[in-house]
Amino acid sequence: MNISQIILFHGLSLLFLPHSLSQYMEEFKDSLIAPSDPRHQVVEQVVRVLAERNQDVAEISSVPWTVHVVDGPTINAFVLPDGNVFIFTGMLEAVADIHQLVFILGHEMAHALIGHAAEQASLSHVVELLSLILLTAIWAICPRDSFAVLGHWIQSKLVQFLFDRPFSRKLEAEADQVGLKLAAKACADVRAGPVFWQQMEIYDQLKGEATIPEWLSTHPSHQNRVRQLDRLVPEALELRASCDCPALPKADPRVVFHQAVKLLLDDAKKQEQIAQEEKNEKERAGVMLPFPQSPPVLTQGSQPQRGGVLATSALLSK
């Protein structure tokens, strides 16, 4: 198995794929944006600033960071251990401002800085050994093929829920914490970090995606990430202030975001009330309209009236 690379997919959950740089370049060769494209230049500048402002970290300064921007709608970004950063234009459209982009790319670089790929590879070897022992025990007790297949399925689920997914969530939380510090030293507004995950939560809701329990997921829930980052923001702000960064605006982007969401919800509620009132008015108007009168019944000796009734009677009499 080749060296595992870290991929951060929508929600930035960890996926470890045995792909090399050449394989990714071949996969995205028709989708890579030219370095002269403004989007590529923005990402390249952010990565450069993150690297320069964190030169005191050996794992950052010793890596030749290279940027690749993939033209695609996926909200996705990932980093290889050798410093190659891939980000999709879908992610560039998902971030609200440059501060969120700095946080996301800091999160990416943090995975390489901490060595999460190596950690995941080490865990994989341990899990494979434990799995082999478990499967051997199951086969010894129940040598039939049907029990062996069932045992393999049970073993795979136990590995996912007891090892892989909890470990992936742990790595994500670590990358959020370290990435926030890298962004703080790059003079980003670290208060924008929690806002990004709030945006992602609303995005998922608007798409109608079902919310699954965190223990079933490979990444922390958006709400838990927001809570963790909110706890880390004061420390990150102190770190930022110690790095000779310009003062931040007094308006906290978290407060601004909450106010904007509240305004949208209030407006949606008003529109719903207006629509309901219009519906009620139409229903009341319908009740007040007179019921159509039944056509008069022609009796023998009576003179037929003009109009449709006369025409119908004449037709029936023929």
Protein backbone atom coordinates (compact mmCIF):
# COMPACT_ATOMS: atom_id res chain seq x y z
CA MET A 1 0.00 0.00 0.00
CA ASN A 2 1.37 3.42 -0.91
CA ILE A 3 1.64 6.28 1.56
CA SER A 4 -1.82 7.44 2.55
CA GLN A 5 -2.83 10.97 1.82
CA ILE A 6 -5.28 13.11 3.66
CA ILE A 7 -8.39 14.18 1.81
CA LEU A 8 -10.88 16.54 3.35
CA PHE A 9 -14.30 16.11 1.82
CA HIS A 10 -17.50 18.09 2.38
CA GLY A 11 -17.61 18.61 6.13
CA LEU A 12 -13.85 18.06 6.02
CA SER A 13 -14.07 14.47 7.09
CA LEU A 14 -10.90 12.44 6.79
CA LEU A 15 -10.42 10.00 3.96
CA PHE A 16 -7.12 8.28 3.43
CA LEU A 17 -6.51 7.24 -0.14
CA PRO A 18 -3.40 5.49 -1.51
CA HIS A 19 -2.90 8.08 -4.25
CA SER A 20 0.36 9.68 -5.26
CA LEU A 21 0.81 13.18 -6.63
CA SER A 22 1.17 11.85 -10.17
CA GLN A 23 -2.13 10.00 -9.86
CA TYR A 24 -3.95 13.13 -8.71
CA MET A 25 -2.35 15.20 -11.45
CA GLU A 26 -3.50 12.65 -13.99
CA GLU A 27 -7.01 12.58 -12.51
CA PHE A 28 -7.39 16.37 -12.52
CA LYS A 29 -5.31 17.20 -15.60
CA ASP A 30 -8.32 18.54 -17.52
CA SER A 31 -9.73 20.48 -14.54
CA LEU A 32 -6.72 22.31 -13.13
CA ILE A 33 -6.98 26.10 -13.25
CA ALA A 34 -4.03 27.99 -14.70
CA PRO A 35 -1.70 29.73 -12.22
CA SER A 36 -2.60 33.04 -13.88
CA ASP A 37 -6.25 32.62 -12.84
CA PRO A 38 -7.18 35.06 -9.99
CA ARG A 39 -8.65 32.18 -7.97
CA HIS A 40 -5.39 30.28 -8.13
CA GLN A 41 -3.43 33.39 -7.19
CA VAL A 42 -5.61 34.01 -4.13
CA VAL A 43 -5.11 30.48 -2.83
CA GLU A 44 -1.39 30.62 -3.56
CA GLN A 45 -1.08 33.90 -1.67
CA VAL A 46 -2.94 32.53 1.35
CA VAL A 47 -0.74 29.42 1.49
CA ARG A 48 2.37 31.57 1.15
CA VAL A 49 1.29 33.86 4.00
CA LEU A 50 0.46 30.87 6.21
CA ALA A 51 3.87 29.37 5.52
CA GLU A 52 5.77 32.62 6.05
CA ARG A 53 3.97 33.52 9.27
CA ASN A 54 4.61 30.05 10.68
CA GLN A 55 8.29 29.74 9.78
CA ASP A 56 9.07 28.95 13.42
CA VAL A 57 7.39 25.56 12.91
CA ALA A 58 9.94 23.23 11.34
CA GLU A 59 7.29 21.03 9.74
CA ILE A 60 5.94 24.13 7.96
CA SER A 61 9.17 25.83 6.92
CA SER A 62 10.77 22.63 5.59
CA VAL A 63 7.94 21.83 3.18
CA PRO A 64 7.80 23.32 -0.36
CA TRP A 65 4.10 24.12 -0.51
CA THR A 66 2.53 23.87 -3.97
CA VAL A 67 -1.03 24.88 -4.88
CA HIS A 68 -3.39 23.16 -7.31
CA VAL A 69 -6.91 24.55 -7.87
CA VAL A 70 -9.40 22.12 -9.39
CA ASP A 71 -12.38 23.50 -11.27
CA GLY A 72 -15.32 21.58 -9.80
CA PRO A 73 -18.42 22.18 -7.65
CA THR A 74 -17.38 19.84 -4.84
CA ILE A 75 -16.80 21.53 -1.50
CA ASN A 76 -13.49 19.83 -1.08
CA ALA A 77 -9.84 20.44 -0.24
CA PHE A 78 -6.95 18.17 0.70
CA VAL A 79 -3.23 18.23 1.33
CA LEU A 80 -0.57 15.64 0.62
CA PRO A 81 2.27 15.03 3.07
CA ASP A 82 4.78 16.44 0.56
CA GLY A 83 3.13 19.89 0.63
CA ASN A 84 0.90 19.69 -2.43
CA VAL A 85 -2.37 21.44 -1.67
CA PHE A 86 -5.49 20.73 -3.74
CA ILE A 87 -8.63 22.81 -3.43
CA PHE A 88 -11.80 22.78 -5.52
CA THR A 89 -13.53 25.92 -6.74
CA GLY A 90 -16.62 24.66 -4.91
CA MET A 91 -14.76 25.31 -1.66
CA LEU A 92 -13.78 28.79 -2.82
CA GLU A 93 -17.46 29.52 -3.41
CA ALA A 94 -18.45 28.05 -0.03
CA VAL A 95 -16.22 30.33 2.07
CA ALA A 96 -17.69 33.72 2.83
CA ASP A 97 -14.43 35.69 3.00
CA ILE A 98 -10.64 35.49 2.98
CA HIS A 99 -10.52 34.81 6.74
CA GLN A 100 -12.51 31.60 6.36
CA LEU A 101 -10.25 30.56 3.49
CA VAL A 102 -7.16 31.11 5.67
CA PHE A 103 -8.74 28.95 8.39
CA ILE A 104 -9.61 26.15 5.93
CA LEU A 105 -6.14 26.08 4.39
CA GLY A 106 -4.60 26.28 7.87
CA HIS A 107 -6.68 23.23 8.76
CA GLU A 108 -5.31 21.45 5.68
CA MET A 109 -1.71 22.29 6.46
CA ALA A 110 -2.23 21.19 10.06
CA HIS A 111 -2.88 17.63 8.92
CA ALA A 112 0.54 17.48 7.26
CA LEU A 113 2.16 19.33 10.18
CA ILE A 114 0.86 16.86 12.77
CA GLY A 115 1.58 13.84 10.59
CA HIS A 116 -1.93 12.48 10.52
CA ALA A 117 -1.27 10.33 7.46
CA ALA A 118 1.44 8.42 9.34
CA GLU A 119 -0.81 8.09 12.39
CA GLN A 120 -3.60 6.68 10.26
CA ALA A 121 -1.22 4.25 8.58
CA SER A 122 0.04 3.03 11.97
CA LEU A 123 -3.50 2.55 13.22
CA SER A 124 -4.36 0.62 10.06
CA HIS A 125 -1.59 -1.90 10.76
CA VAL A 126 -2.78 -2.41 14.34
CA VAL A 127 -6.39 -2.77 13.24
CA GLU A 128 -5.42 -5.27 10.53
CA LEU A 129 -3.63 -7.41 13.12
CA LEU A 130 -6.59 -7.30 15.52
CA SER A 131 -8.96 -8.11 12.67
CA LEU A 132 -6.88 -11.13 11.66
CA ILE A 133 -6.93 -12.43 15.24
CA LEU A 134 -10.71 -11.92 15.49
CA LEU A 135 -11.42 -13.61 12.16
CA THR A 136 -9.18 -16.54 13.07
CA ALA A 137 -11.07 -16.99 16.34
CA ILE A 138 -14.43 -16.86 14.55
CA TRP A 139 -13.28 -19.41 11.97
CA ALA A 140 -11.98 -21.72 14.70
CA ILE A 141 -15.33 -21.63 16.51
CA CYS A 142 -17.54 -21.71 13.41
CA PRO A 143 -15.61 -23.10 10.42
CA ARG A 144 -18.61 -22.95 8.11
CA ASP A 145 -18.42 -20.45 5.25
CA SER A 146 -21.71 -18.77 6.14
CA PHE A 147 -20.50 -18.01 9.66
CA ALA A 148 -17.19 -16.82 8.29
CA VAL A 149 -18.95 -14.30 6.02
CA LEU A 150 -21.11 -13.09 8.92
CA GLY A 151 -18.06 -12.86 11.13
CA HIS A 152 -16.21 -10.80 8.53
CA TRP A 153 -19.16 -8.38 8.28
CA ILE A 154 -19.32 -8.02 12.08
CA GLN A 155 -15.59 -7.52 12.24
CA SER A 156 -15.65 -4.76 9.60
CA LYS A 157 -18.42 -2.89 11.44
CA LEU A 158 -16.61 -3.16 14.77
CA VAL A 159 -13.44 -1.78 13.19
CA GLN A 160 -15.36 1.15 11.69
CA PHE A 161 -17.23 2.16 14.84
CA LEU A 162 -14.59 1.35 17.46
CA PHE A 163 -11.43 2.45 15.64
CA ASP A 164 -11.66 4.19 12.25
CA ARG A 165 -14.46 6.69 12.81
CA PRO A 166 -13.55 7.78 16.36
CA PHE A 167 -9.92 8.15 15.29
CA SER A 168 -10.89 10.22 12.24
CA ARG A 169 -13.02 12.50 14.42
CA LYS A 170 -10.07 12.92 16.79
CA LEU A 171 -7.76 13.90 13.93
CA GLU A 172 -10.31 16.39 12.62
CA ALA A 173 -10.60 18.05 16.02
CA GLU A 174 -6.81 18.28 16.26
CA ALA A 175 -6.55 19.82 12.80
CA ASP A 176 -9.21 22.40 13.69
CA GLN A 177 -7.27 23.36 16.81
CA VAL A 178 -3.86 23.59 15.14
CA GLY A 179 -5.29 25.16 12.00
CA LEU A 180 -6.87 27.92 14.07
CA LYS A 181 -3.46 28.72 15.57
CA LEU A 182 -1.80 28.79 12.15
CA ALA A 183 -4.52 31.17 10.94
CA ALA A 184 -4.10 33.37 14.01
CA LYS A 185 -0.37 33.76 13.35
CA ALA A 186 -1.26 34.63 9.74
CA CYS A 187 -3.35 37.54 11.14
CA ALA A 188 -6.69 36.12 10.01
CA ASP A 189 -9.85 36.88 11.96
CA VAL A 190 -10.06 33.55 13.78
CA ARG A 191 -13.64 34.33 14.82
CA ALA A 192 -14.59 33.43 11.24
CA GLY A 193 -13.66 29.77 11.82
CA PRO A 194 -16.83 28.80 13.73
CA VAL A 195 -18.94 30.77 11.25
CA PHE A 196 -17.78 28.54 8.40
CA TRP A 197 -19.14 25.44 10.12
CA GLN A 198 -22.41 27.21 10.88
CA GLN A 199 -22.69 28.00 7.17
CA MET A 200 -22.04 24.36 6.33
CA GLU A 201 -24.78 23.25 8.72
CA ILE A 202 -27.30 25.56 7.04
CA TYR A 203 -26.07 24.44 3.63
CA ASP A 204 -26.75 20.80 4.51
CA GLN A 205 -30.19 21.68 5.84
CA LEU A 206 -31.09 23.56 2.66
CA LYS A 207 -29.98 20.57 0.61
CA GLY A 208 -32.25 18.37 2.70
CA GLU A 209 -29.42 16.12 3.82
CA ALA A 210 -30.32 13.90 6.76
CA THR A 211 -28.45 14.57 9.99
CA ILE A 212 -26.72 11.43 11.19
CA PRO A 213 -25.48 10.85 14.76
CA GLU A 214 -21.88 11.86 15.26
CA TRP A 215 -20.82 8.35 16.33
CA LEU A 216 -21.80 7.12 12.85
CA SER A 217 -19.73 9.78 11.11
CA THR A 218 -16.05 10.09 10.25
CA HIS A 219 -16.04 13.73 11.35
CA PRO A 220 -17.41 15.76 14.27
CA SER A 221 -20.84 17.28 13.82
CA HIS A 222 -20.94 20.87 12.63
CA GLN A 223 -22.39 21.97 15.97
CA ASN A 224 -19.61 20.29 17.95
CA ARG A 225 -16.98 21.86 15.75
CA VAL A 226 -18.55 25.27 16.31
CA ARG A 227 -18.57 24.73 20.08
CA GLN A 228 -14.95 23.56 20.13
CA LEU A 229 -13.75 26.46 17.98
CA ASP A 230 -15.70 28.96 20.09
CA ARG A 231 -13.80 27.68 23.14
CA LEU A 232 -10.49 28.04 21.30
CA VAL A 233 -11.13 31.51 19.84
CA PRO A 234 -10.08 33.53 22.95
CA GLU A 235 -6.70 31.79 23.08
CA ALA A 236 -6.26 32.20 19.32
CA LEU A 237 -7.07 35.92 19.61
CA GLU A 238 -4.35 36.30 22.24
CA LEU A 239 -1.89 34.49 19.97
CA ARG A 240 -2.88 36.76 17.08
CA ALA A 241 -2.38 39.88 19.20
CA SER A 242 1.15 38.73 20.08
CA CYS A 243 2.09 38.49 16.39
CA ASP A 244 1.94 42.25 15.60
CA CYS A 245 -1.25 41.83 13.60
CA PRO A 246 -3.54 44.78 12.77
CA ALA A 247 -6.51 45.30 15.04
CA LEU A 248 -9.69 43.43 14.24
CA PRO A 249 -13.00 45.20 13.65
CA LYS A 250 -15.22 45.39 16.73
CA ALA A 251 -18.04 43.59 14.93
CA ASP A 252 -17.69 39.89 15.74
CA PRO A 253 -18.46 37.89 12.56
CA ARG A 254 -20.21 35.29 14.73
CA VAL A 255 -22.63 37.91 16.01
CA VAL A 256 -23.09 39.35 12.52
CA PHE A 257 -23.85 35.89 11.19
CA HIS A 258 -26.42 35.18 13.90
CA GLN A 259 -28.10 38.52 13.26
CA ALA A 260 -28.22 37.88 9.51
CA VAL A 261 -29.73 34.43 10.04
CA LYS A 262 -32.29 35.87 12.45
CA LEU A 263 -33.30 38.52 9.92
CA LEU A 264 -33.71 35.89 7.21
CA LEU A 265 -35.78 33.67 9.50
CA ASP A 266 -37.94 36.61 10.59
CA ASP A 267 -38.48 37.61 6.96
CA ALA A 268 -39.36 34.04 6.01
CA LYS A 269 -41.82 33.91 8.90
CA LYS A 270 -43.45 37.17 7.79
CA GLN A 271 -43.75 35.91 4.22
CA GLU A 272 -45.35 32.74 5.51
CA GLN A 273 -47.83 34.74 7.59
CA ILE A 274 -48.69 36.94 4.61
CA ALA A 275 -49.25 33.88 2.43
CA GLN A 276 -51.47 32.32 5.10
CA GLU A 277 -53.52 35.52 5.46
CA GLU A 278 -54.00 35.70 1.70
CA LYS A 279 -55.14 32.09 1.69
CA ASN A 280 -57.58 32.77 4.53
CA GLU A 281 -58.96 35.83 2.69
CA LYS A 282 -59.57 33.76 -0.43
CA GLU A 283 -61.33 31.08 1.60
CA ARG A 284 -63.57 33.67 3.30
CA ALA A 285 -64.35 35.29 -0.05
CA GLY A 286 -65.33 31.92 -1.43
CA VAL A 287 -67.80 31.34 1.40
CA MET A 288 -69.43 34.74 0.86
CA LEU A 289 -70.07 34.20 -2.87
CA PRO A 290 -73.72 33.21 -3.67
CA PHE A 291 -74.24 29.65 -4.74
CA PRO A 292 -75.28 29.28 -8.39
CA GLN A 293 -79.07 28.92 -8.77
CA SER A 294 -80.45 25.67 -10.09
CA PRO A 295 -81.94 25.97 -13.60
CA PRO A 296 -85.71 26.34 -13.56
CA VAL A 297 -87.71 23.18 -14.20
CA LEU A 298 -90.01 23.41 -17.18
CA THR A 299 -93.51 22.23 -16.43
CA GLN A 300 -96.21 21.53 -18.90
CA GLY A 301 -97.81 24.73 -20.10
CA SER A 302 -95.05 27.01 -18.93
CA GLN A 303 -93.16 29.28 -21.31
CA PRO A 304 -89.47 28.39 -21.68
CA GLN A 305 -86.99 31.08 -20.67
CA ARG A 306 -84.26 32.50 -22.87
CA GLY A 307 -80.72 31.28 -22.63
CA GLY A 308 -79.04 27.99 -22.11
CA VAL A 309 -82.03 26.31 -20.54
CA LEU A 310 -84.09 27.06 -23.64
CA ALA A 311 -81.42 25.68 -25.92
CA THR A 312 -81.07 22.53 -23.85
CA SER A 313 -84.83 21.95 -23.77
CA ALA A 314 -85.03 22.40 -27.52
CA LEU A 315 -82.18 19.96 -28.02
CA LEU A 316 -83.78 17.37 -25.78
CA SER A 317 -87.15 17.69 -27.48
CA LYS A 318 -85.75 16.85 -30.89
